[in-house]
Amino acid sequence: MYKPLPLSQWLNTPRPDDTPIAWLDDRIWTLGELRHDVTQLVDILRQEEGERWALCFDNGYLFIVALLAALHAGKTPVLPGHSRAAQLNEQRSLFSGVLSDTTLDFSGRQQLVTSTVPTNNDFSPLPAIDDTRVIELYTSGSTGAPQRVIKPIISLDREARLLAGRFGERLTGCRVVASVVLHHLYGLTFRVVLPMALGLPVHASLLNYAEQLSALPHDKRYLFISSPAFLKRLDTALTPPPVALLFSAGGVLPWRDITAFQGWLNIWPDEIYGSTETGVMAWRHRQDETTLWQPFPGVTFNGDRVTSPLIHEAEGIVLDDILHFAADGQFNIVGRRGRVVKIEDKRISLDEIEQRLLALDGICDAAALVVMRGGRQSIGVLLVLNDAARLHRDNVGKNAQESAWRRALRPCLEPVAVPRYWRIVDEIPVNSMNKRVTAQLQELFHEDP
């Protein structure tokens, strides 16, 4: 096991060129190839105007190439949180261009990133990455507009050291596979920064199905980076893969799901509590339902505010979650504040859904909320229509109109954010203080119309 390397030294630290970095099926990318591919892209980016470049990748190896090339070229990597062309075009002012492994329907500058075979093994050290360099991420905020989070690379290095200090020995000899995307902090930290810092090979592709997990070669041991949304869908009738360590984050993992896959994989999960703004804050290795969260070293909670070595702001950050603490400093998560909710472990802005709906013809007012049906959370919306839109809906039919609204929303919303339940009302109910009361709105979804 390597001592965790800082990001600025991933390529310049002496290590053999044949060190495996990533694999996909029978293809293995080595450190020598990574050095070559990054150097090629650095040469291209240094000739490009503009500092900020959005990274939109499915291939994990090419994402690493783009991330390192941008930083070594003195550019700022931007993780927009998605690869949807319609939304990238809306957000063109947020970055100078796009780096991607596939051609996107993007109206701005874009550079296709590929891997080529080195013609020789000579490697000249790249321009240094200054410790002041940052990565920018975008996440849904309470206003519905994308919220920028600036993450200094020194914070990512500290996070890798923090995780290596807790889990390092158990990670020795693991290959890294994941069911979480690269363009959120959880995927960036656990699929890229931690493996690269420790010299662990990473799977370049996302695992979308339990069958892909089961089919992993059984002559290796794996660290599996996952989420409650994926884990609750595991098919325990499949052959269990040789997973030695399992991380879950992005939402609370129900105990019934833990007991189901523990019987299949024969391991207990390590759950991670954190956010884009804060980085990792706490962990728990839950072997019974009552296990509490344990803060990482240096993480301090004070009321609804948290400070840590990973948080740049000296005053700390106010949390969206409501925590209840035990006398020893461990805690439980009991609820969530604000208008950002989690569905299928994705942060969904109810404000953004409402804004997208109000941009559609004929919709005068909208209210989005979470509706629980059959143990499943989905988005429900209340709509106020103008006369023309009401008449059109009556003519084409309820189902046809709802399908049309869904089609209009899909290019700009996460699939789980597209409303599942629709109600047409004369006006959105409010209380005596002219405030919308969620419980009152939810009553309108108790029965099908």
Protein backbone atom coordinates (compact mmCIF):
# COMPACT_ATOMS: atom_id res chain seq x y z
CA MET A 1 0.00 0.00 0.00
CA TYR A 2 1.40 3.36 -1.03
CA LYS A 3 1.39 6.25 1.40
CA PRO A 4 -1.37 8.55 0.10
CA LEU A 5 0.05 10.71 -2.68
CA PRO A 6 -1.10 14.31 -3.04
CA LEU A 7 -2.90 14.97 -6.31
CA SER A 8 -0.08 17.21 -7.54
CA GLN A 9 2.30 14.21 -7.40
CA TRP A 10 0.15 11.48 -8.99
CA LEU A 11 2.16 11.63 -12.22
CA ASN A 12 5.50 13.10 -11.12
CA THR A 13 6.29 10.70 -8.26
CA PRO A 14 8.63 7.91 -9.43
CA ARG A 15 6.56 4.78 -9.98
CA PRO A 16 6.91 2.09 -12.67
CA ASP A 17 5.26 2.89 -16.01
CA ASP A 18 3.52 -0.49 -15.97
CA THR A 19 1.63 0.35 -12.75
CA PRO A 20 -2.06 -0.39 -13.53
CA ILE A 21 -4.33 2.66 -13.26
CA ALA A 22 -7.67 1.50 -14.68
CA TRP A 23 -9.28 -1.34 -16.60
CA LEU A 24 -12.32 -2.03 -18.75
CA ASP A 25 -13.01 -5.60 -19.83
CA ASP A 26 -9.59 -6.82 -21.10
CA ARG A 27 -8.18 -3.31 -21.56
CA ILE A 28 -5.73 -2.13 -18.89
CA TRP A 29 -4.42 1.45 -18.79
CA THR A 30 -1.03 1.91 -17.13
CA LEU A 31 0.68 4.83 -15.46
CA GLY A 32 2.89 5.21 -18.53
CA GLU A 33 -0.18 5.60 -20.73
CA LEU A 34 -1.73 8.03 -18.27
CA ARG A 35 1.39 10.19 -18.30
CA HIS A 36 1.37 10.15 -22.12
CA ASP A 37 -2.34 10.93 -22.47
CA VAL A 38 -2.25 13.74 -19.90
CA THR A 39 0.81 15.30 -21.60
CA GLN A 40 -0.97 15.26 -24.97
CA LEU A 41 -4.05 16.95 -23.55
CA VAL A 42 -2.01 19.50 -21.58
CA ASP A 43 -0.41 20.63 -24.84
CA ILE A 44 -3.88 21.13 -26.36
CA LEU A 45 -5.36 22.94 -23.36
CA ARG A 46 -2.44 25.35 -22.99
CA GLN A 47 -3.28 26.64 -26.47
CA GLU A 48 -6.97 27.08 -25.61
CA GLU A 49 -8.37 30.33 -24.29
CA GLY A 50 -10.50 30.30 -21.18
CA GLU A 51 -9.71 28.92 -17.74
CA ARG A 52 -12.75 26.87 -16.76
CA TRP A 53 -13.54 23.55 -18.51
CA ALA A 54 -16.49 21.30 -17.76
CA LEU A 55 -15.75 17.56 -17.42
CA CYS A 56 -18.51 15.33 -18.85
CA PHE A 57 -17.39 11.68 -18.90
CA ASP A 58 -18.65 8.14 -18.64
CA ASN A 59 -15.18 6.55 -18.91
CA GLY A 60 -13.40 6.81 -15.57
CA TYR A 61 -9.89 6.59 -17.02
CA LEU A 62 -10.50 9.42 -19.51
CA PHE A 63 -12.04 11.47 -16.68
CA ILE A 64 -8.74 11.12 -14.77
CA VAL A 65 -6.84 12.18 -17.91
CA ALA A 66 -9.00 15.30 -18.28
CA LEU A 67 -8.88 16.18 -14.57
CA LEU A 68 -5.09 15.99 -14.39
CA ALA A 69 -4.53 17.68 -17.76
CA ALA A 70 -6.74 20.63 -16.81
CA LEU A 71 -4.90 21.12 -13.51
CA HIS A 72 -1.40 20.69 -15.01
CA ALA A 73 -2.34 23.13 -17.79
CA GLY A 74 -3.34 25.74 -15.21
CA LYS A 75 -7.07 25.39 -15.95
CA THR A 76 -9.95 24.90 -13.50
CA PRO A 77 -11.91 21.62 -13.87
CA VAL A 78 -15.66 22.16 -13.51
CA LEU A 79 -18.03 19.31 -12.60
CA PRO A 80 -21.49 20.49 -13.69
CA GLY A 81 -23.20 17.51 -12.03
CA HIS A 82 -24.60 16.06 -15.27
CA SER A 83 -23.89 15.59 -19.00
CA ARG A 84 -27.28 16.70 -20.37
CA ALA A 85 -26.71 18.79 -23.50
CA ALA A 86 -29.80 20.96 -23.00
CA GLN A 87 -28.70 21.99 -19.53
CA LEU A 88 -25.05 22.42 -20.54
CA ASN A 89 -26.18 24.90 -23.19
CA GLU A 90 -28.18 26.77 -20.55
CA GLN A 91 -25.09 26.89 -18.33
CA ARG A 92 -22.57 27.97 -20.99
CA SER A 93 -21.63 31.05 -18.96
CA LEU A 94 -20.33 28.81 -16.17
CA PHE A 95 -17.38 27.45 -18.18
CA SER A 96 -15.19 28.12 -21.22
CA GLY A 97 -15.75 24.77 -22.89
CA VAL A 98 -16.42 21.07 -22.38
CA LEU A 99 -14.04 18.12 -22.16
CA SER A 100 -15.79 14.83 -22.88
CA ASP A 101 -15.29 11.25 -24.08
CA THR A 102 -18.23 11.56 -26.50
CA THR A 103 -19.44 14.29 -28.85
CA LEU A 104 -22.23 16.25 -27.18
CA ASP A 105 -24.92 18.42 -28.75
CA PHE A 106 -23.25 21.43 -27.15
CA SER A 107 -23.15 24.80 -28.90
CA GLY A 108 -19.91 25.95 -27.26
CA ARG A 109 -16.33 24.74 -27.50
CA GLN A 110 -15.72 21.09 -26.77
CA GLN A 111 -12.64 18.89 -26.85
CA LEU A 112 -12.93 15.13 -27.31
CA VAL A 113 -10.55 13.26 -24.97
CA THR A 114 -9.05 9.96 -26.14
CA SER A 115 -6.25 7.58 -25.23
CA THR A 116 -3.40 6.88 -27.66
CA VAL A 117 -0.54 4.39 -27.51
CA PRO A 118 2.76 6.01 -26.43
CA THR A 119 5.50 5.89 -29.07
CA ASN A 120 8.22 5.90 -26.38
CA ASN A 121 8.55 5.68 -22.63
CA ASP A 122 10.18 9.08 -22.13
CA PHE A 123 8.27 11.19 -19.65
CA SER A 124 9.11 14.81 -19.03
CA PRO A 125 7.72 16.18 -15.77
CA LEU A 126 4.58 18.21 -16.38
CA PRO A 127 4.06 21.79 -15.20
CA ALA A 128 3.51 21.72 -11.45
CA ILE A 129 0.02 21.88 -9.99
CA ASP A 130 -0.05 24.79 -7.60
CA ASP A 131 -1.52 24.05 -4.16
CA THR A 132 -3.97 26.91 -4.67
CA ARG A 133 -5.70 25.15 -7.61
CA VAL A 134 -9.36 24.27 -7.15
CA ILE A 135 -12.06 22.09 -8.65
CA GLU A 136 -15.55 23.53 -9.03
CA LEU A 137 -18.67 21.44 -8.52
CA TYR A 138 -22.30 22.39 -9.03
CA THR A 139 -25.12 21.09 -6.89
CA SER A 140 -28.82 21.90 -6.52
CA GLY A 141 -29.36 24.75 -4.09
CA SER A 142 -32.38 25.95 -2.18
CA THR A 143 -33.18 28.47 -4.91
CA GLY A 144 -33.28 25.85 -7.66
CA ALA A 145 -30.35 27.49 -9.48
CA PRO A 146 -27.07 25.51 -9.68
CA GLN A 147 -24.93 26.32 -6.65
CA ARG A 148 -21.17 26.49 -7.13
CA VAL A 149 -18.98 24.71 -4.57
CA ILE A 150 -15.26 25.48 -4.76
CA LYS A 151 -13.14 22.55 -3.63
CA PRO A 152 -9.39 23.27 -3.19
CA ILE A 153 -7.27 20.29 -4.21
CA ILE A 154 -5.58 20.49 -0.82
CA SER A 155 -8.99 19.62 0.72
CA LEU A 156 -9.24 16.56 -1.56
CA ASP A 157 -5.76 15.47 -0.45
CA ARG A 158 -6.75 15.87 3.21
CA GLU A 159 -9.90 13.85 2.58
CA ALA A 160 -7.89 11.01 1.02
CA ARG A 161 -5.55 10.98 4.04
CA LEU A 162 -8.53 10.98 6.40
CA LEU A 163 -10.10 8.00 4.63
CA ALA A 164 -6.80 6.15 4.31
CA GLY A 165 -6.23 6.58 8.05
CA ARG A 166 -9.58 4.92 8.78
CA PHE A 167 -9.79 2.28 6.04
CA GLY A 168 -6.26 1.98 4.59
CA GLU A 169 -5.36 -1.49 5.84
CA ARG A 170 -8.64 -2.97 4.65
CA LEU A 171 -8.15 -1.41 1.20
CA THR A 172 -4.82 -3.13 0.54
CA GLY A 173 -4.89 -5.13 -2.69
CA CYS A 174 -8.39 -4.03 -3.70
CA ARG A 175 -9.59 -3.05 -7.14
CA VAL A 176 -12.21 -0.29 -7.13
CA VAL A 177 -15.64 -0.72 -8.76
CA ALA A 178 -18.58 1.65 -8.41
CA SER A 179 -22.25 2.27 -9.11
CA VAL A 180 -21.95 6.04 -8.52
CA VAL A 181 -21.17 8.69 -11.14
CA LEU A 182 -17.93 10.64 -11.38
CA HIS A 183 -19.34 14.15 -11.53
CA HIS A 184 -20.46 14.41 -7.90
CA LEU A 185 -18.07 14.73 -4.95
CA TYR A 186 -18.74 11.20 -3.64
CA GLY A 187 -17.74 9.69 -6.99
CA LEU A 188 -14.80 12.07 -7.40
CA THR A 189 -13.43 11.32 -3.93
CA PHE A 190 -13.98 7.55 -3.80
CA ARG A 191 -13.65 6.56 -7.49
CA VAL A 192 -10.73 8.86 -8.34
CA VAL A 193 -8.92 10.70 -5.55
CA LEU A 194 -8.69 7.90 -2.96
CA PRO A 195 -7.69 5.13 -5.44
CA MET A 196 -5.15 7.34 -7.22
CA ALA A 197 -3.67 8.47 -3.89
CA LEU A 198 -3.28 4.83 -2.76
CA GLY A 199 -2.36 3.22 -6.09
CA LEU A 200 -5.54 1.13 -6.42
CA PRO A 201 -6.70 0.24 -9.97
CA VAL A 202 -10.17 1.57 -10.84
CA HIS A 203 -12.88 0.16 -13.08
CA ALA A 204 -13.39 2.67 -15.91
CA SER A 205 -17.08 1.88 -16.32
CA LEU A 206 -20.10 2.36 -14.10
CA LEU A 207 -21.89 -0.69 -12.72
CA ASN A 208 -25.56 -0.15 -13.55
CA TYR A 209 -26.92 -3.59 -12.70
CA ALA A 210 -26.42 -6.27 -10.04
CA GLU A 211 -25.57 -8.71 -12.86
CA GLN A 212 -22.47 -6.64 -13.68
CA LEU A 213 -21.36 -6.79 -10.06
CA SER A 214 -21.92 -10.54 -9.91
CA ALA A 215 -19.96 -11.07 -13.14
CA LEU A 216 -16.72 -9.50 -11.86
CA PRO A 217 -13.73 -11.88 -12.12
CA HIS A 218 -13.48 -13.88 -8.92
CA ASP A 219 -9.68 -13.99 -8.80
CA LYS A 220 -9.52 -10.43 -7.44
CA ARG A 221 -10.84 -8.62 -4.34
CA TYR A 222 -12.88 -5.45 -4.71
CA LEU A 223 -13.81 -2.22 -2.98
CA PHE A 224 -17.38 -1.44 -4.07
CA ILE A 225 -18.45 2.24 -4.03
CA SER A 226 -22.24 2.31 -4.01
CA SER A 227 -25.43 3.95 -2.77
CA PRO A 228 -28.65 2.85 -1.05
CA ALA A 229 -30.55 3.20 -4.34
CA PHE A 230 -28.37 0.54 -5.99
CA LEU A 231 -27.98 -1.72 -2.97
CA LYS A 232 -31.70 -2.09 -2.35
CA ARG A 233 -32.06 -3.50 -5.89
CA LEU A 234 -29.42 -6.22 -5.54
CA ASP A 235 -30.51 -9.67 -6.71
CA THR A 236 -29.26 -12.03 -4.03
CA ALA A 237 -30.06 -15.03 -6.24
CA LEU A 238 -26.98 -14.15 -8.34
CA THR A 239 -23.49 -15.47 -7.62
CA PRO A 240 -21.94 -13.19 -4.97
CA PRO A 241 -18.80 -11.31 -6.13
CA PRO A 242 -15.59 -11.17 -4.02
CA VAL A 243 -16.30 -7.73 -2.52
CA ALA A 244 -13.99 -7.16 0.45
CA LEU A 245 -15.18 -3.68 1.40
CA LEU A 246 -18.39 -1.79 0.66
CA PHE A 247 -18.92 1.96 0.97
CA SER A 248 -22.40 3.45 0.82
CA ALA A 249 -23.24 7.16 0.81
CA GLY A 250 -25.75 9.60 -0.60
CA GLY A 251 -28.64 8.61 1.67
CA VAL A 252 -29.58 6.53 4.69
CA LEU A 253 -29.27 2.79 4.07
CA PRO A 254 -32.34 0.97 5.47
CA TRP A 255 -31.51 -1.82 7.92
CA ARG A 256 -33.65 -4.34 6.03
CA ASP A 257 -31.51 -3.79 2.93
CA ILE A 258 -28.30 -4.21 4.94
CA THR A 259 -29.39 -7.58 6.31
CA ALA A 260 -30.41 -8.72 2.81
CA PHE A 261 -27.13 -8.00 1.04
CA GLN A 262 -24.99 -8.90 4.07
CA GLY A 263 -26.29 -12.43 3.75
CA TRP A 264 -25.29 -12.34 0.07
CA LEU A 265 -21.89 -10.60 0.20
CA ASN A 266 -20.97 -11.71 3.74
CA ILE A 267 -19.75 -8.20 4.63
CA TRP A 268 -21.22 -5.30 6.61
CA PRO A 269 -21.22 -1.90 4.89
CA ASP A 270 -19.20 1.13 5.85
CA GLU A 271 -21.57 4.07 5.52
CA ILE A 272 -20.23 7.55 4.83
CA TYR A 273 -21.98 10.76 5.86
CA GLY A 274 -21.00 13.91 4.00
CA SER A 275 -22.03 16.47 1.40
CA THR A 276 -20.58 18.33 -1.55
CA GLU A 277 -20.03 21.39 0.60
CA THR A 278 -18.47 19.65 3.61
CA GLY A 279 -16.72 16.55 2.28
CA VAL A 280 -16.87 13.49 4.52
CA MET A 281 -18.00 14.16 8.08
CA ALA A 282 -18.70 10.79 9.73
CA TRP A 283 -18.88 7.05 9.18
CA ARG A 284 -20.39 3.95 10.72
CA HIS A 285 -19.77 0.22 10.32
CA ARG A 286 -23.28 -0.95 11.09
CA GLN A 287 -23.71 -4.52 12.33
CA ASP A 288 -26.90 -3.71 14.19
CA GLU A 289 -29.75 -1.29 13.60
CA THR A 290 -28.85 1.14 16.40
CA THR A 291 -25.22 1.92 15.45
CA LEU A 292 -24.63 5.69 15.54
CA TRP A 293 -22.45 7.88 13.31
CA GLN A 294 -18.87 8.52 14.42
CA PRO A 295 -17.31 11.86 13.34
CA PHE A 296 -13.97 11.68 11.52
CA PRO A 297 -10.99 13.17 13.39
CA GLY A 298 -11.10 16.96 13.40
CA VAL A 299 -14.80 17.18 12.49
CA THR A 300 -16.72 19.25 15.06
CA PHE A 301 -20.48 19.81 15.24
CA ASN A 302 -21.87 22.86 17.01
CA GLY A 303 -25.64 23.14 16.77
CA ASP A 304 -26.53 23.03 13.08
CA ARG A 305 -23.01 24.00 12.01
CA VAL A 306 -19.98 21.82 11.23
CA THR A 307 -16.26 22.66 11.00
CA SER A 308 -13.48 20.35 9.82
CA PRO A 309 -10.06 20.30 8.15
CA LEU A 310 -11.90 19.73 4.84
CA ILE A 311 -14.00 22.90 5.09
CA HIS A 312 -12.29 26.02 3.82
CA GLU A 313 -14.60 28.43 5.65
CA ALA A 314 -13.32 29.04 9.20
CA GLU A 315 -16.87 29.60 10.46
CA GLY A 316 -17.93 26.20 9.12
CA ILE A 317 -21.05 25.28 7.15
CA VAL A 318 -24.70 25.06 8.17
CA LEU A 319 -26.10 21.58 7.57
CA ASP A 320 -29.30 20.66 5.72
CA ASP A 321 -29.73 17.68 8.06
CA ILE A 322 -31.09 17.61 11.60
CA LEU A 323 -28.81 15.61 13.95
CA HIS A 324 -29.40 14.21 17.44
CA PHE A 325 -26.26 13.63 19.52
CA ALA A 326 -25.43 11.11 22.22
CA ALA A 327 -23.28 12.05 25.23
CA ASP A 328 -20.13 10.59 23.60
CA GLY A 329 -20.43 12.77 20.48
CA GLN A 330 -21.86 10.11 18.21
CA PHE A 331 -25.13 10.98 16.51
CA ASN A 332 -28.14 9.95 14.48
CA ILE A 333 -29.69 11.73 11.48
CA VAL A 334 -33.36 12.43 12.13
CA GLY A 335 -34.50 14.71 9.32
CA ARG A 336 -33.75 17.27 6.64
CA ARG A 337 -34.27 21.01 6.33
CA GLY A 338 -35.12 23.14 3.34
CA ARG A 339 -36.31 22.65 -0.22
CA VAL A 340 -33.61 20.22 -1.36
CA VAL A 341 -34.71 16.61 -0.91
CA LYS A 342 -33.12 13.26 -1.63
CA ILE A 343 -34.85 10.72 -3.86
CA GLU A 344 -33.00 7.58 -4.96
CA ASP A 345 -29.95 9.18 -3.26
CA LYS A 346 -29.98 12.16 -5.63
CA ARG A 347 -30.30 15.74 -4.41
CA ILE A 348 -33.44 17.14 -5.99
CA SER A 349 -34.37 20.83 -5.84
CA LEU A 350 -38.13 21.27 -5.52
CA ASP A 351 -37.63 24.92 -6.47
CA GLU A 352 -35.98 23.95 -9.75
CA ILE A 353 -38.85 21.60 -10.64
CA GLU A 354 -41.32 24.43 -10.04
CA GLN A 355 -39.29 26.86 -12.14
CA ARG A 356 -39.11 24.37 -15.03
CA LEU A 357 -42.88 23.85 -14.87
CA LEU A 358 -43.59 27.59 -14.82
CA ALA A 359 -41.56 27.95 -18.02
CA LEU A 360 -44.06 25.70 -19.86
CA ASP A 361 -46.97 27.23 -21.76
CA GLY A 362 -50.21 27.54 -19.83
CA ILE A 363 -48.88 26.85 -16.31
CA CYS A 364 -49.58 29.82 -14.02
CA ASP A 365 -48.46 28.40 -10.69
CA ALA A 366 -46.81 25.20 -9.45
CA ALA A 367 -45.96 23.46 -6.18
CA ALA A 368 -43.63 20.43 -6.06
CA LEU A 369 -43.38 18.06 -3.11
CA VAL A 370 -42.38 14.52 -2.19
CA VAL A 371 -45.20 11.95 -2.32
CA MET A 372 -44.87 8.55 -0.62
CA ARG A 373 -46.72 5.65 -2.26
CA GLY A 374 -46.12 1.99 -1.47
CA GLY A 375 -42.91 2.76 0.39
CA ARG A 376 -41.49 4.65 -2.60
CA GLN A 377 -40.76 8.37 -2.77
CA SER A 378 -41.66 10.26 -5.95
CA ILE A 379 -42.31 13.85 -6.97
CA GLY A 380 -45.89 15.15 -7.06
CA VAL A 381 -46.90 18.56 -8.42
CA LEU A 382 -49.91 20.82 -8.04
CA LEU A 383 -50.54 23.01 -11.09
CA VAL A 384 -52.69 26.04 -11.75
CA LEU A 385 -53.49 26.32 -15.48
CA ASN A 386 -54.77 29.19 -17.56
CA ASP A 387 -58.06 28.77 -19.44
CA ALA A 388 -56.42 27.76 -22.72
CA ALA A 389 -54.27 25.10 -21.04
CA ARG A 390 -57.27 23.71 -19.15
CA LEU A 391 -59.25 23.46 -22.38
CA HIS A 392 -56.34 21.77 -24.17
CA ARG A 393 -55.98 19.24 -21.35
CA ASP A 394 -59.70 18.47 -21.52
CA ASN A 395 -59.46 17.94 -25.29
CA VAL A 396 -56.34 15.71 -25.42
CA GLY A 397 -56.99 13.89 -22.14
CA LYS A 398 -55.27 13.78 -18.76
CA ASN A 399 -52.73 11.07 -19.60
CA ALA A 400 -51.66 12.60 -22.92
CA GLN A 401 -51.12 16.01 -21.32
CA GLU A 402 -49.08 14.60 -18.44
CA SER A 403 -46.92 12.65 -20.91
CA ALA A 404 -46.30 15.85 -22.86
CA TRP A 405 -45.24 17.69 -19.71
CA ARG A 406 -42.88 14.84 -18.78
CA ARG A 407 -41.28 14.91 -22.25
CA ALA A 408 -40.73 18.65 -21.89
CA LEU A 409 -39.01 18.23 -18.51
CA ARG A 410 -36.76 15.21 -19.21
CA PRO A 411 -33.98 17.14 -21.04
CA CYS A 412 -33.37 19.39 -18.03
CA LEU A 413 -34.19 17.30 -14.92
CA GLU A 414 -32.84 14.13 -13.35
CA PRO A 415 -35.16 11.20 -14.20
CA VAL A 416 -36.25 10.87 -10.54
CA ALA A 417 -37.06 14.61 -10.48
CA VAL A 418 -39.62 14.35 -13.30
CA PRO A 419 -43.03 14.42 -11.57
CA ARG A 420 -44.87 11.12 -11.25
CA TYR A 421 -48.12 12.48 -9.77
CA TRP A 422 -50.07 15.48 -11.09
CA ARG A 423 -52.97 17.45 -9.63
CA ILE A 424 -54.74 20.41 -11.27
CA VAL A 425 -56.15 22.94 -8.79
CA ASP A 426 -57.77 26.36 -8.99
CA GLU A 427 -55.12 27.75 -6.65
CA ILE A 428 -52.25 26.45 -4.51
CA PRO A 429 -53.51 26.11 -0.89
CA VAL A 430 -51.87 28.38 1.69
CA ASN A 431 -52.33 28.94 5.42
CA SER A 432 -53.32 32.13 7.24
CA MET A 433 -49.74 33.42 6.92
CA ASN A 434 -49.88 32.89 3.14
CA LYS A 435 -47.39 30.01 3.45
CA ARG A 436 -47.66 26.69 1.69
CA VAL A 437 -47.94 23.85 4.22
CA THR A 438 -46.45 20.62 2.91
CA ALA A 439 -48.78 18.38 4.93
CA GLN A 440 -51.79 20.22 3.53
CA LEU A 441 -50.50 19.85 -0.03
CA GLN A 442 -49.78 16.16 0.47
CA GLU A 443 -53.40 15.53 1.43
CA LEU A 444 -54.31 16.22 -2.20
CA PHE A 445 -52.30 13.13 -3.22
CA HIS A 446 -53.80 10.68 -0.69
CA GLU A 447 -56.28 9.28 -3.21
CA ASP A 448 -56.15 8.99 -6.99
CA PRO A 449 -58.48 11.46 -8.67
